[in-house]
Amino acid sequence: MSAATNVLQTPAVAPIRSDAPTRRLRVVDAPVRRRRPKLLYGVVAVLGAFLIAGAQIALSIMTTQGTYELSTLTAQQRELTFQKQVLYDQVAGLSSPQYLAANAAALGMVIDESPSYLRLSDGALLGAGEVSFGNSSVNALGRGVVPNALITQTPLVTDPDATIEGEKAPKAAPVEDAGVANTPPPITDGLPTPSTH
């Protein structure tokens, strides 16, 4: 029993595995006290916030100024476009056949009922070849002509007081009360209503 009992009484020891992780214990350091933030960092943060706010205000002011300038330039462009259209209308009126005929008649030119033509190839004169004397046989501004509203008050070249209709050009009214003379009278009894029958 001695050998068998020895085997039974001896506790069996587990073999040591070399692949098992080894755990090591270490001493934990004492917690580090939190540092107080330095005053310099706070000052830099506040100054940075003020610089950002100042930059935003400056950009806002520049944008607003640009908007006002754009509005002014748009108004100027609208006014110049209107003036350009008025000038186009004046040029169209001054180059109309009626105005040219009225100025030609004022300068003494006449329209002959039998015009003559010059053939350039051989210099021959075709037509009656007579000089027209007196009044024109065709009245360019006669009763059948539709008046051109663009040139009815435009003075003729030879006589600045005469217009295409033959009447005197209207004189500019004197300006009274700083240009208020052309305004309608003030309304005292409410809104005016048209009288209908």
N, C-alpha and C. Protein backbone atom coordinates (compact mmCIF):
# COMPACT_ATOMS: atom_id res chain seq x y z
N MET A 1 0.81 -1.12 0.00
CA MET A 1 0.00 0.00 0.00
C MET A 1 0.87 1.22 0.00
N SER A 2 1.92 0.96 0.21
CA SER A 2 2.79 2.09 0.34
C SER A 2 3.00 2.79 -1.00
N ALA A 3 3.25 2.12 -2.05
CA ALA A 3 3.46 2.78 -3.34
C ALA A 3 2.13 3.26 -3.91
N ALA A 4 1.08 2.48 -3.75
CA ALA A 4 -0.21 2.86 -4.30
C ALA A 4 -0.81 3.95 -3.46
N THR A 5 -0.61 3.88 -2.18
CA THR A 5 -1.18 4.89 -1.31
C THR A 5 -0.46 6.20 -1.53
N ASN A 6 0.79 6.12 -1.77
CA ASN A 6 1.56 7.33 -2.03
C ASN A 6 1.06 8.05 -3.29
N VAL A 7 0.73 7.29 -4.24
CA VAL A 7 0.28 7.87 -5.50
C VAL A 7 -1.07 8.51 -5.29
N LEU A 8 -1.92 7.85 -4.48
CA LEU A 8 -3.25 8.37 -4.29
C LEU A 8 -3.21 9.58 -3.37
N GLN A 9 -2.37 9.60 -2.41
CA GLN A 9 -2.36 10.68 -1.46
C GLN A 9 -1.62 11.91 -2.00
N THR A 10 -0.81 11.82 -2.94
CA THR A 10 -0.08 12.96 -3.48
C THR A 10 -1.03 13.70 -4.44
N PRO A 11 -1.21 14.92 -4.17
CA PRO A 11 -2.12 15.66 -5.07
C PRO A 11 -1.49 15.84 -6.44
N ALA A 12 -2.32 15.79 -7.41
CA ALA A 12 -1.82 15.94 -8.78
C ALA A 12 -1.68 17.43 -9.11
N VAL A 13 -0.60 17.79 -9.64
CA VAL A 13 -0.31 19.19 -9.97
C VAL A 13 -0.54 19.36 -11.48
N ALA A 14 -1.27 20.40 -11.81
CA ALA A 14 -1.57 20.66 -13.22
C ALA A 14 -0.32 21.15 -13.93
N PRO A 15 -0.16 20.72 -15.14
CA PRO A 15 1.02 21.16 -15.86
C PRO A 15 0.96 22.68 -16.15
N ILE A 16 2.05 23.33 -16.18
CA ILE A 16 2.14 24.77 -16.43
C ILE A 16 2.09 24.99 -17.93
N ARG A 17 1.14 25.80 -18.32
CA ARG A 17 1.00 26.11 -19.74
C ARG A 17 1.80 27.36 -20.08
N SER A 18 2.51 27.22 -21.08
CA SER A 18 3.37 28.36 -21.44
C SER A 18 2.62 29.40 -22.30
N ASP A 19 1.46 29.05 -22.88
CA ASP A 19 0.75 30.00 -23.75
C ASP A 19 -0.26 30.85 -23.00
N ALA A 20 -0.47 30.62 -21.72
CA ALA A 20 -1.43 31.41 -20.95
C ALA A 20 -0.84 32.79 -20.67
N PRO A 21 -1.66 33.87 -20.75
CA PRO A 21 -1.15 35.22 -20.51
C PRO A 21 -0.80 35.40 -19.04
N THR A 22 0.23 36.08 -18.85
CA THR A 22 0.64 36.32 -17.47
C THR A 22 0.11 37.68 -17.06
N ARG A 23 -0.46 37.70 -15.90
CA ARG A 23 -1.01 38.95 -15.41
C ARG A 23 -0.04 39.55 -14.42
N ARG A 24 0.19 40.84 -14.67
CA ARG A 24 1.10 41.50 -13.75
C ARG A 24 0.34 42.62 -13.05
N LEU A 25 0.50 42.76 -11.90
CA LEU A 25 -0.11 43.82 -11.12
C LEU A 25 0.86 44.99 -11.06
N ARG A 26 0.30 46.18 -11.12
CA ARG A 26 1.15 47.35 -11.02
C ARG A 26 0.53 48.33 -10.05
N VAL A 27 1.30 49.18 -9.58
CA VAL A 27 0.86 50.16 -8.60
C VAL A 27 0.28 51.36 -9.35
N VAL A 28 -0.92 51.79 -8.94
CA VAL A 28 -1.57 52.94 -9.56
C VAL A 28 -1.00 54.20 -8.96
N ASP A 29 -0.69 55.14 -9.89
CA ASP A 29 -0.15 56.41 -9.42
C ASP A 29 -1.25 57.21 -8.74
N ALA A 30 -0.86 58.08 -7.92
CA ALA A 30 -1.82 58.96 -7.25
C ALA A 30 -2.42 59.90 -8.29
N PRO A 31 -3.72 60.24 -8.17
CA PRO A 31 -4.33 61.14 -9.16
C PRO A 31 -3.66 62.51 -9.14
N VAL A 32 -3.48 63.01 -10.37
CA VAL A 32 -2.80 64.30 -10.53
C VAL A 32 -3.84 65.39 -10.28
N ARG A 33 -3.47 66.35 -9.56
CA ARG A 33 -4.38 67.46 -9.30
C ARG A 33 -4.58 68.26 -10.59
N ARG A 34 -5.83 68.66 -10.85
CA ARG A 34 -6.12 69.46 -12.05
C ARG A 34 -5.49 70.83 -11.91
N ARG A 35 -4.89 71.24 -13.00
CA ARG A 35 -4.24 72.54 -12.99
C ARG A 35 -5.29 73.62 -13.18
N ARG A 36 -5.06 74.70 -12.60
CA ARG A 36 -5.92 75.85 -12.83
C ARG A 36 -5.63 76.42 -14.21
N PRO A 37 -6.69 76.75 -15.01
CA PRO A 37 -6.38 77.34 -16.31
C PRO A 37 -5.65 78.66 -16.14
N LYS A 38 -4.75 78.87 -17.04
CA LYS A 38 -3.96 80.09 -16.95
C LYS A 38 -4.79 81.27 -17.45
N LEU A 39 -4.54 82.41 -16.94
CA LEU A 39 -5.25 83.62 -17.29
C LEU A 39 -5.00 83.99 -18.75
N LEU A 40 -3.86 83.68 -19.28
CA LEU A 40 -3.51 84.01 -20.66
C LEU A 40 -4.46 83.32 -21.65
N TYR A 41 -4.78 82.07 -21.38
CA TYR A 41 -5.70 81.35 -22.28
C TYR A 41 -7.08 81.99 -22.29
N GLY A 42 -7.54 82.41 -21.16
CA GLY A 42 -8.85 83.08 -21.09
C GLY A 42 -8.85 84.39 -21.84
N VAL A 43 -7.78 85.16 -21.68
CA VAL A 43 -7.70 86.45 -22.38
C VAL A 43 -7.66 86.23 -23.89
N VAL A 44 -6.90 85.23 -24.34
CA VAL A 44 -6.82 84.95 -25.78
C VAL A 44 -8.20 84.53 -26.31
N ALA A 45 -8.91 83.72 -25.55
CA ALA A 45 -10.24 83.27 -26.00
C ALA A 45 -11.21 84.45 -26.10
N VAL A 46 -11.21 85.35 -25.11
CA VAL A 46 -12.12 86.51 -25.15
C VAL A 46 -11.73 87.44 -26.29
N LEU A 47 -10.45 87.69 -26.49
CA LEU A 47 -10.02 88.55 -27.60
C LEU A 47 -10.38 87.93 -28.95
N GLY A 48 -10.24 86.62 -29.06
CA GLY A 48 -10.63 85.95 -30.31
C GLY A 48 -12.11 86.11 -30.59
N ALA A 49 -12.95 85.99 -29.54
CA ALA A 49 -14.40 86.17 -29.73
C ALA A 49 -14.71 87.59 -30.17
N PHE A 50 -14.03 88.59 -29.55
CA PHE A 50 -14.26 89.98 -29.95
C PHE A 50 -13.79 90.24 -31.37
N LEU A 51 -12.68 89.66 -31.78
CA LEU A 51 -12.20 89.84 -33.15
C LEU A 51 -13.16 89.22 -34.16
N ILE A 52 -13.71 88.06 -33.85
CA ILE A 52 -14.68 87.43 -34.76
C ILE A 52 -15.94 88.28 -34.86
N ALA A 53 -16.43 88.78 -33.72
CA ALA A 53 -17.62 89.64 -33.74
C ALA A 53 -17.35 90.93 -34.51
N GLY A 54 -16.16 91.52 -34.32
CA GLY A 54 -15.82 92.74 -35.06
C GLY A 54 -15.73 92.50 -36.56
N ALA A 55 -15.15 91.36 -36.95
CA ALA A 55 -15.07 91.03 -38.38
C ALA A 55 -16.46 90.84 -38.98
N GLN A 56 -17.36 90.22 -38.23
CA GLN A 56 -18.73 90.04 -38.74
C GLN A 56 -19.44 91.38 -38.89
N ILE A 57 -19.24 92.28 -37.94
CA ILE A 57 -19.86 93.61 -38.03
C ILE A 57 -19.29 94.37 -39.23
N ALA A 58 -17.98 94.31 -39.43
CA ALA A 58 -17.36 95.00 -40.57
C ALA A 58 -17.88 94.45 -41.89
N LEU A 59 -17.99 93.13 -42.00
CA LEU A 59 -18.53 92.54 -43.23
C LEU A 59 -19.99 92.94 -43.45
N SER A 60 -20.76 93.01 -42.38
CA SER A 60 -22.15 93.42 -42.49
C SER A 60 -22.26 94.86 -42.97
N ILE A 61 -21.41 95.73 -42.44
CA ILE A 61 -21.43 97.14 -42.86
C ILE A 61 -21.03 97.27 -44.32
N MET A 62 -20.01 96.54 -44.74
CA MET A 62 -19.58 96.61 -46.15
C MET A 62 -20.67 96.06 -47.07
N THR A 63 -21.35 95.00 -46.67
CA THR A 63 -22.43 94.45 -47.50
C THR A 63 -23.58 95.43 -47.61
N THR A 64 -23.92 96.07 -46.49
CA THR A 64 -25.00 97.05 -46.53
C THR A 64 -24.62 98.24 -47.40
N GLN A 65 -23.38 98.71 -47.29
CA GLN A 65 -22.93 99.82 -48.14
C GLN A 65 -22.98 99.44 -49.61
N GLY A 66 -22.56 98.22 -49.92
CA GLY A 66 -22.63 97.74 -51.30
C GLY A 66 -24.06 97.68 -51.81
N THR A 67 -24.99 97.32 -50.94
CA THR A 67 -26.40 97.27 -51.33
C THR A 67 -26.93 98.66 -51.66
N TYR A 68 -26.55 99.65 -50.85
CA TYR A 68 -26.99 101.02 -51.12
C TYR A 68 -26.38 101.54 -52.43
N GLU A 69 -25.12 101.25 -52.66
CA GLU A 69 -24.49 101.68 -53.92
C GLU A 69 -25.15 101.00 -55.11
N LEU A 70 -25.47 99.73 -54.97
CA LEU A 70 -26.13 99.01 -56.05
C LEU A 70 -27.51 99.59 -56.32
N SER A 71 -28.23 99.97 -55.27
CA SER A 71 -29.54 100.59 -55.44
C SER A 71 -29.42 101.93 -56.16
N THR A 72 -28.42 102.71 -55.80
CA THR A 72 -28.21 104.01 -56.46
C THR A 72 -27.86 103.82 -57.93
N LEU A 73 -26.98 102.87 -58.22
CA LEU A 73 -26.60 102.63 -59.61
C LEU A 73 -27.77 102.08 -60.42
N THR A 74 -28.62 101.28 -59.80
CA THR A 74 -29.80 100.77 -60.51
C THR A 74 -30.75 101.91 -60.86
N ALA A 75 -30.93 102.86 -59.92
CA ALA A 75 -31.78 104.02 -60.20
C ALA A 75 -31.18 104.88 -61.32
N GLN A 76 -29.85 105.06 -61.30
CA GLN A 76 -29.20 105.82 -62.37
C GLN A 76 -29.35 105.12 -63.71
N GLN A 77 -29.23 103.80 -63.71
CA GLN A 77 -29.38 103.05 -64.96
C GLN A 77 -30.80 103.18 -65.49
N ARG A 78 -31.79 103.13 -64.60
CA ARG A 78 -33.19 103.28 -65.02
C ARG A 78 -33.42 104.67 -65.63
N GLU A 79 -32.85 105.71 -64.99
CA GLU A 79 -33.00 107.07 -65.49
C GLU A 79 -32.31 107.23 -66.85
N LEU A 80 -31.11 106.67 -66.98
CA LEU A 80 -30.40 106.77 -68.26
C LEU A 80 -31.10 105.99 -69.36
N THR A 81 -31.70 104.86 -69.02
CA THR A 81 -32.46 104.10 -70.01
C THR A 81 -33.66 104.91 -70.48
N PHE A 82 -34.32 105.59 -69.54
CA PHE A 82 -35.45 106.45 -69.92
C PHE A 82 -34.99 107.59 -70.81
N GLN A 83 -33.86 108.23 -70.46
CA GLN A 83 -33.36 109.32 -71.30
C GLN A 83 -32.96 108.82 -72.68
N LYS A 84 -32.38 107.62 -72.73
CA LYS A 84 -32.01 107.05 -74.03
C LYS A 84 -33.24 106.83 -74.89
N GLN A 85 -34.32 106.35 -74.28
CA GLN A 85 -35.55 106.12 -75.05
C GLN A 85 -36.14 107.44 -75.54
N VAL A 86 -36.05 108.49 -74.71
CA VAL A 86 -36.54 109.80 -75.14
C VAL A 86 -35.71 110.30 -76.32
N LEU A 87 -34.39 110.12 -76.25
CA LEU A 87 -33.53 110.56 -77.36
C LEU A 87 -33.80 109.76 -78.63
N TYR A 88 -34.06 108.44 -78.49
CA TYR A 88 -34.42 107.64 -79.66
C TYR A 88 -35.71 108.16 -80.29
N ASP A 89 -36.68 108.52 -79.45
CA ASP A 89 -37.93 109.06 -79.98
C ASP A 89 -37.70 110.39 -80.69
N GLN A 90 -36.84 111.24 -80.13
CA GLN A 90 -36.55 112.52 -80.77
C GLN A 90 -35.85 112.32 -82.11
N VAL A 91 -34.91 111.39 -82.16
CA VAL A 91 -34.19 111.12 -83.42
C VAL A 91 -35.17 110.55 -84.46
N ALA A 92 -36.07 109.67 -83.99
CA ALA A 92 -37.05 109.11 -84.93
C ALA A 92 -37.97 110.20 -85.46
N GLY A 93 -38.35 111.15 -84.61
CA GLY A 93 -39.20 112.25 -85.08
C GLY A 93 -38.47 113.18 -86.02
N LEU A 94 -37.20 113.48 -85.71
CA LEU A 94 -36.44 114.39 -86.56
C LEU A 94 -36.06 113.77 -87.89
N SER A 95 -36.01 112.45 -87.96
CA SER A 95 -35.69 111.82 -89.24
C SER A 95 -36.94 111.36 -89.98
N SER A 96 -38.11 111.76 -89.51
CA SER A 96 -39.35 111.37 -90.20
C SER A 96 -39.49 112.16 -91.50
N PRO A 97 -40.16 111.59 -92.49
CA PRO A 97 -40.34 112.29 -93.78
C PRO A 97 -41.10 113.61 -93.64
N GLN A 98 -42.05 113.69 -92.74
CA GLN A 98 -42.80 114.94 -92.58
C GLN A 98 -41.90 116.08 -92.10
N TYR A 99 -41.05 115.80 -91.11
CA TYR A 99 -40.19 116.85 -90.60
C TYR A 99 -39.16 117.26 -91.65
N LEU A 100 -38.62 116.29 -92.38
CA LEU A 100 -37.67 116.61 -93.44
C LEU A 100 -38.33 117.44 -94.55
N ALA A 101 -39.59 117.09 -94.91
CA ALA A 101 -40.30 117.85 -95.94
C ALA A 101 -40.61 119.26 -95.47
N ALA A 102 -41.00 119.42 -94.20
CA ALA A 102 -41.30 120.75 -93.67
C ALA A 102 -40.03 121.61 -93.65
N ASN A 103 -38.91 121.05 -93.26
CA ASN A 103 -37.66 121.81 -93.26
C ASN A 103 -37.20 122.12 -94.68
N ALA A 104 -37.40 121.19 -95.60
CA ALA A 104 -37.04 121.46 -97.00
C ALA A 104 -37.88 122.59 -97.56
N ALA A 105 -39.19 122.59 -97.26
CA ALA A 105 -40.05 123.68 -97.72
C ALA A 105 -39.66 125.00 -97.08
N ALA A 106 -39.26 124.97 -95.78
CA ALA A 106 -38.84 126.19 -95.11
C ALA A 106 -37.54 126.73 -95.70
N LEU A 107 -36.69 125.84 -96.23
CA LEU A 107 -35.45 126.27 -96.85
C LEU A 107 -35.63 126.71 -98.30
N GLY A 108 -36.85 126.55 -98.86
CA GLY A 108 -37.13 126.99 -100.22
C GLY A 108 -37.13 125.88 -101.25
N MET A 109 -37.01 124.66 -100.87
CA MET A 109 -37.05 123.55 -101.83
C MET A 109 -38.50 123.28 -102.20
N VAL A 110 -38.69 122.88 -103.47
CA VAL A 110 -40.04 122.58 -103.96
C VAL A 110 -40.05 121.19 -104.56
N ILE A 111 -41.23 120.59 -104.55
CA ILE A 111 -41.41 119.27 -105.15
C ILE A 111 -42.01 119.49 -106.53
N ASP A 112 -41.36 119.00 -107.54
CA ASP A 112 -41.85 119.14 -108.92
C ASP A 112 -42.72 117.95 -109.25
N GLU A 113 -43.80 118.19 -109.98
CA GLU A 113 -44.69 117.07 -110.31
C GLU A 113 -44.13 116.20 -111.44
N SER A 114 -43.18 116.74 -112.20
CA SER A 114 -42.53 115.91 -113.23
C SER A 114 -41.02 115.98 -113.00
N PRO A 115 -40.52 115.09 -112.15
CA PRO A 115 -39.09 115.16 -111.84
C PRO A 115 -38.23 114.70 -113.01
N SER A 116 -37.02 115.15 -112.99
CA SER A 116 -36.05 114.75 -114.01
C SER A 116 -35.00 113.87 -113.35
N TYR A 117 -34.44 112.96 -114.14
CA TYR A 117 -33.44 112.03 -113.64
C TYR A 117 -32.20 112.12 -114.51
N LEU A 118 -31.08 111.89 -113.92
CA LEU A 118 -29.82 111.91 -114.62
C LEU A 118 -29.31 110.48 -114.72
N ARG A 119 -29.11 110.01 -115.96
CA ARG A 119 -28.58 108.66 -116.16
C ARG A 119 -27.06 108.75 -116.09
N LEU A 120 -26.49 107.99 -115.16
CA LEU A 120 -25.06 108.09 -114.89
C LEU A 120 -24.20 107.45 -115.97
N SER A 121 -24.73 106.48 -116.68
CA SER A 121 -23.90 105.77 -117.66
C SER A 121 -23.46 106.70 -118.81
N ASP A 122 -24.36 107.53 -119.30
CA ASP A 122 -23.98 108.42 -120.41
C ASP A 122 -24.23 109.89 -120.10
N GLY A 123 -24.75 110.21 -118.88
CA GLY A 123 -24.96 111.60 -118.50
C GLY A 123 -26.18 112.22 -119.13
N ALA A 124 -27.12 111.41 -119.66
CA ALA A 124 -28.31 111.95 -120.30
C ALA A 124 -29.32 112.37 -119.26
N LEU A 125 -30.11 113.43 -119.54
CA LEU A 125 -31.15 113.93 -118.66
C LEU A 125 -32.47 113.36 -119.13
N LEU A 126 -33.16 112.62 -118.25
CA LEU A 126 -34.44 112.00 -118.58
C LEU A 126 -35.54 112.78 -117.88
N GLY A 127 -36.63 113.06 -118.54
CA GLY A 127 -37.74 113.80 -117.96
C GLY A 127 -37.88 115.15 -118.64
N ALA A 128 -38.71 116.01 -118.03
CA ALA A 128 -38.99 117.32 -118.63
C ALA A 128 -37.76 118.20 -118.63
N GLY A 129 -36.98 118.13 -117.58
CA GLY A 129 -35.74 118.91 -117.56
C GLY A 129 -35.97 120.39 -117.35
N GLU A 130 -37.15 120.76 -116.84
CA GLU A 130 -37.44 122.17 -116.61
C GLU A 130 -37.32 122.48 -115.12
N VAL A 131 -37.00 123.71 -114.83
CA VAL A 131 -36.86 124.15 -113.44
C VAL A 131 -38.24 124.44 -112.88
N SER A 132 -38.51 124.00 -111.65
CA SER A 132 -39.78 124.28 -110.99
C SER A 132 -39.68 125.62 -110.29
N PHE A 133 -40.67 126.45 -110.54
CA PHE A 133 -40.72 127.77 -109.91
C PHE A 133 -41.97 127.85 -109.05
N GLY A 134 -41.90 128.66 -108.01
CA GLY A 134 -43.08 128.90 -107.20
C GLY A 134 -43.26 127.82 -106.13
N ASN A 135 -44.52 127.51 -105.92
CA ASN A 135 -44.87 126.54 -104.89
C ASN A 135 -44.72 125.12 -105.40
N SER A 136 -44.65 124.19 -104.45
CA SER A 136 -44.57 122.79 -104.82
C SER A 136 -45.90 122.32 -105.36
N SER A 137 -45.83 121.43 -106.31
CA SER A 137 -47.07 120.88 -106.85
C SER A 137 -47.65 119.83 -105.90
N VAL A 138 -46.82 119.27 -105.04
CA VAL A 138 -47.27 118.30 -104.04
C VAL A 138 -47.02 118.92 -102.68
N ASN A 139 -48.08 118.99 -101.88
CA ASN A 139 -47.95 119.55 -100.54
C ASN A 139 -47.67 118.41 -99.56
N ALA A 140 -46.44 118.35 -99.06
CA ALA A 140 -46.06 117.26 -98.17
C ALA A 140 -46.75 117.36 -96.82
N LEU A 141 -47.19 118.56 -96.48
CA LEU A 141 -47.85 118.75 -95.19
C LEU A 141 -49.32 119.12 -95.36
N GLY A 142 -49.93 118.62 -96.40
CA GLY A 142 -51.32 118.97 -96.70
C GLY A 142 -52.33 118.33 -95.75
N ARG A 143 -53.60 118.45 -96.16
CA ARG A 143 -54.68 117.97 -95.30
C ARG A 143 -54.67 116.46 -95.14
N GLY A 144 -54.21 115.71 -96.11
CA GLY A 144 -54.25 114.26 -96.04
C GLY A 144 -53.14 113.64 -95.20
N VAL A 145 -52.25 114.46 -94.71
CA VAL A 145 -51.12 113.95 -93.95
C VAL A 145 -51.53 113.72 -92.50
N VAL A 146 -51.18 112.57 -91.99
CA VAL A 146 -51.43 112.29 -90.57
C VAL A 146 -50.33 112.95 -89.77
N PRO A 147 -50.68 113.78 -88.78
CA PRO A 147 -49.63 114.48 -88.04
C PRO A 147 -48.81 113.51 -87.17
N ASN A 148 -47.54 113.80 -87.09
CA ASN A 148 -46.63 112.99 -86.29
C ASN A 148 -46.54 113.62 -84.91
N ALA A 149 -46.98 112.90 -83.88
CA ALA A 149 -47.02 113.46 -82.52
C ALA A 149 -45.63 113.73 -81.97
N LEU A 150 -44.62 113.07 -82.50
CA LEU A 150 -43.27 113.28 -81.99
C LEU A 150 -42.68 114.63 -82.40
N ILE A 151 -43.22 115.23 -83.48
CA ILE A 151 -42.60 116.46 -84.00
C ILE A 151 -43.56 117.63 -84.09
N THR A 152 -44.77 117.53 -83.53
CA THR A 152 -45.72 118.63 -83.67
C THR A 152 -45.23 119.91 -83.00
N GLN A 153 -44.50 119.82 -81.92
CA GLN A 153 -44.01 121.01 -81.22
C GLN A 153 -42.52 121.26 -81.45
N THR A 154 -41.90 120.52 -82.39
CA THR A 154 -40.47 120.69 -82.67
C THR A 154 -40.29 121.87 -83.62
N PRO A 155 -39.42 122.83 -83.29
CA PRO A 155 -39.23 123.98 -84.18
C PRO A 155 -38.50 123.59 -85.45
N LEU A 156 -38.77 124.34 -86.52
CA LEU A 156 -38.11 124.11 -87.80
C LEU A 156 -36.70 124.69 -87.79
N VAL A 157 -35.91 124.27 -88.77
CA VAL A 157 -34.51 124.67 -88.81
C VAL A 157 -34.37 126.17 -89.09
N THR A 158 -35.13 126.70 -90.03
CA THR A 158 -34.96 128.10 -90.44
C THR A 158 -35.60 129.08 -89.47
N ASP A 159 -36.69 128.69 -88.81
CA ASP A 159 -37.39 129.58 -87.90
C ASP A 159 -37.62 128.84 -86.58
N PRO A 160 -36.86 129.16 -85.54
CA PRO A 160 -37.01 128.43 -84.28
C PRO A 160 -38.38 128.62 -83.61
N ASP A 161 -39.12 129.66 -84.03
CA ASP A 161 -40.43 129.89 -83.42
C ASP A 161 -41.55 129.15 -84.16
N ALA A 162 -41.30 128.67 -85.38
CA ALA A 162 -42.34 127.98 -86.16
C ALA A 162 -42.19 126.47 -85.98
N THR A 163 -43.34 125.78 -86.01
CA THR A 163 -43.34 124.32 -85.91
C THR A 163 -43.85 123.74 -87.22
N ILE A 164 -43.95 122.44 -87.27
CA ILE A 164 -44.40 121.76 -88.48
C ILE A 164 -45.86 122.09 -88.80
N GLU A 165 -46.63 122.45 -87.78
CA GLU A 165 -48.02 122.80 -88.01
C GLU A 165 -48.19 124.26 -88.42
N GLY A 166 -47.08 125.02 -88.45
CA GLY A 166 -47.12 126.40 -88.89
C GLY A 166 -47.33 127.37 -87.75
N GLU A 167 -47.68 126.93 -86.59
CA GLU A 167 -47.92 127.83 -85.46
C GLU A 167 -46.61 128.09 -84.73
N LYS A 168 -46.67 129.04 -83.88
CA LYS A 168 -45.49 129.38 -83.11
C LYS A 168 -45.26 128.32 -82.03
N ALA A 169 -44.00 128.05 -81.78
CA ALA A 169 -43.65 127.08 -80.74
C ALA A 169 -44.01 127.66 -79.38
N PRO A 170 -44.53 126.85 -78.49
CA PRO A 170 -44.92 127.39 -77.18
C PRO A 170 -43.69 127.80 -76.37
N LYS A 171 -43.84 128.93 -75.71
CA LYS A 171 -42.76 129.41 -74.86
C LYS A 171 -42.86 128.69 -73.52
N ALA A 172 -41.72 128.49 -72.90
CA ALA A 172 -41.71 127.83 -71.60
C ALA A 172 -42.34 128.74 -70.57
N ALA A 173 -43.26 128.18 -69.76
CA ALA A 173 -43.94 128.95 -68.73
C ALA A 173 -42.94 129.29 -67.63
N PRO A 174 -43.05 130.50 -67.07
CA PRO A 174 -42.13 130.83 -65.99
C PRO A 174 -42.39 129.93 -64.79
N VAL A 175 -41.33 129.55 -64.18
CA VAL A 175 -41.43 128.64 -63.04
C VAL A 175 -41.77 129.46 -61.80
N GLU A 176 -42.85 129.10 -61.16
CA GLU A 176 -43.26 129.78 -59.93
C GLU A 176 -43.25 128.78 -58.80
N ASP A 177 -42.91 129.24 -57.66
CA ASP A 177 -42.88 128.41 -56.44
C ASP A 177 -42.03 127.17 -56.63
N ALA A 178 -40.86 127.33 -57.20
CA ALA A 178 -39.88 126.24 -57.35
C ALA A 178 -40.44 125.05 -58.11
N GLY A 179 -41.13 125.31 -59.22
CA GLY A 179 -41.61 124.22 -60.07
C GLY A 179 -42.92 123.61 -59.64
N VAL A 180 -43.69 124.28 -58.80
CA VAL A 180 -44.95 123.73 -58.34
C VAL A 180 -46.11 124.27 -59.18
N ALA A 181 -45.83 125.10 -60.17
CA ALA A 181 -46.90 125.73 -60.95
C ALA A 181 -47.70 124.71 -61.77
N ASN A 182 -47.09 123.59 -62.15
CA ASN A 182 -47.79 122.62 -62.99
C ASN A 182 -48.53 121.56 -62.20
N THR A 183 -48.54 121.66 -60.90
CA THR A 183 -49.22 120.64 -60.11
C THR A 183 -50.71 120.94 -60.05
N PRO A 184 -51.54 119.91 -59.90
CA PRO A 184 -52.98 120.15 -59.82
C PRO A 184 -53.33 120.84 -58.51
N PRO A 185 -54.51 121.47 -58.47
CA PRO A 185 -54.90 122.14 -57.22
C PRO A 185 -55.15 121.11 -56.13
N PRO A 186 -54.99 121.53 -54.87
CA PRO A 186 -55.20 120.58 -53.79
C PRO A 186 -56.65 120.17 -53.68
N ILE A 187 -56.88 118.96 -53.22
CA ILE A 187 -58.23 118.43 -53.07
C ILE A 187 -58.70 118.78 -51.66
N THR A 188 -59.83 119.51 -51.58
CA THR A 188 -60.32 119.92 -50.27
C THR A 188 -61.60 119.19 -49.88
N ASP A 189 -62.37 118.76 -50.86
CA ASP A 189 -63.65 118.13 -50.57
C ASP A 189 -63.64 116.64 -50.88
N GLY A 190 -62.59 115.93 -50.56
CA GLY A 190 -62.53 114.50 -50.83
C GLY A 190 -61.98 114.23 -52.22
N LEU A 191 -62.16 113.01 -52.68
CA LEU A 191 -61.65 112.62 -53.98
C LEU A 191 -62.55 113.13 -55.09
N PRO A 192 -61.97 113.61 -56.19
CA PRO A 192 -62.81 114.06 -57.30
C PRO A 192 -63.42 112.86 -58.02
N THR A 193 -64.65 113.03 -58.45
CA THR A 193 -65.33 111.97 -59.20
C THR A 193 -65.77 112.54 -60.53
N PRO A 194 -65.69 111.75 -61.60
CA PRO A 194 -66.11 112.26 -62.90
C PRO A 194 -67.63 112.38 -62.95
N SER A 195 -68.09 113.39 -63.66
CA SER A 195 -69.54 113.53 -63.82
C SER A 195 -69.94 112.77 -65.08
N THR A 196 -70.84 111.84 -64.93
CA THR A 196 -71.32 111.04 -66.05
C THR A 196 -72.80 111.31 -66.28
N HIS A 197 -73.19 111.27 -67.53
CA HIS A 197 -74.60 111.51 -67.87
C HIS A 197 -75.15 110.31 -68.58
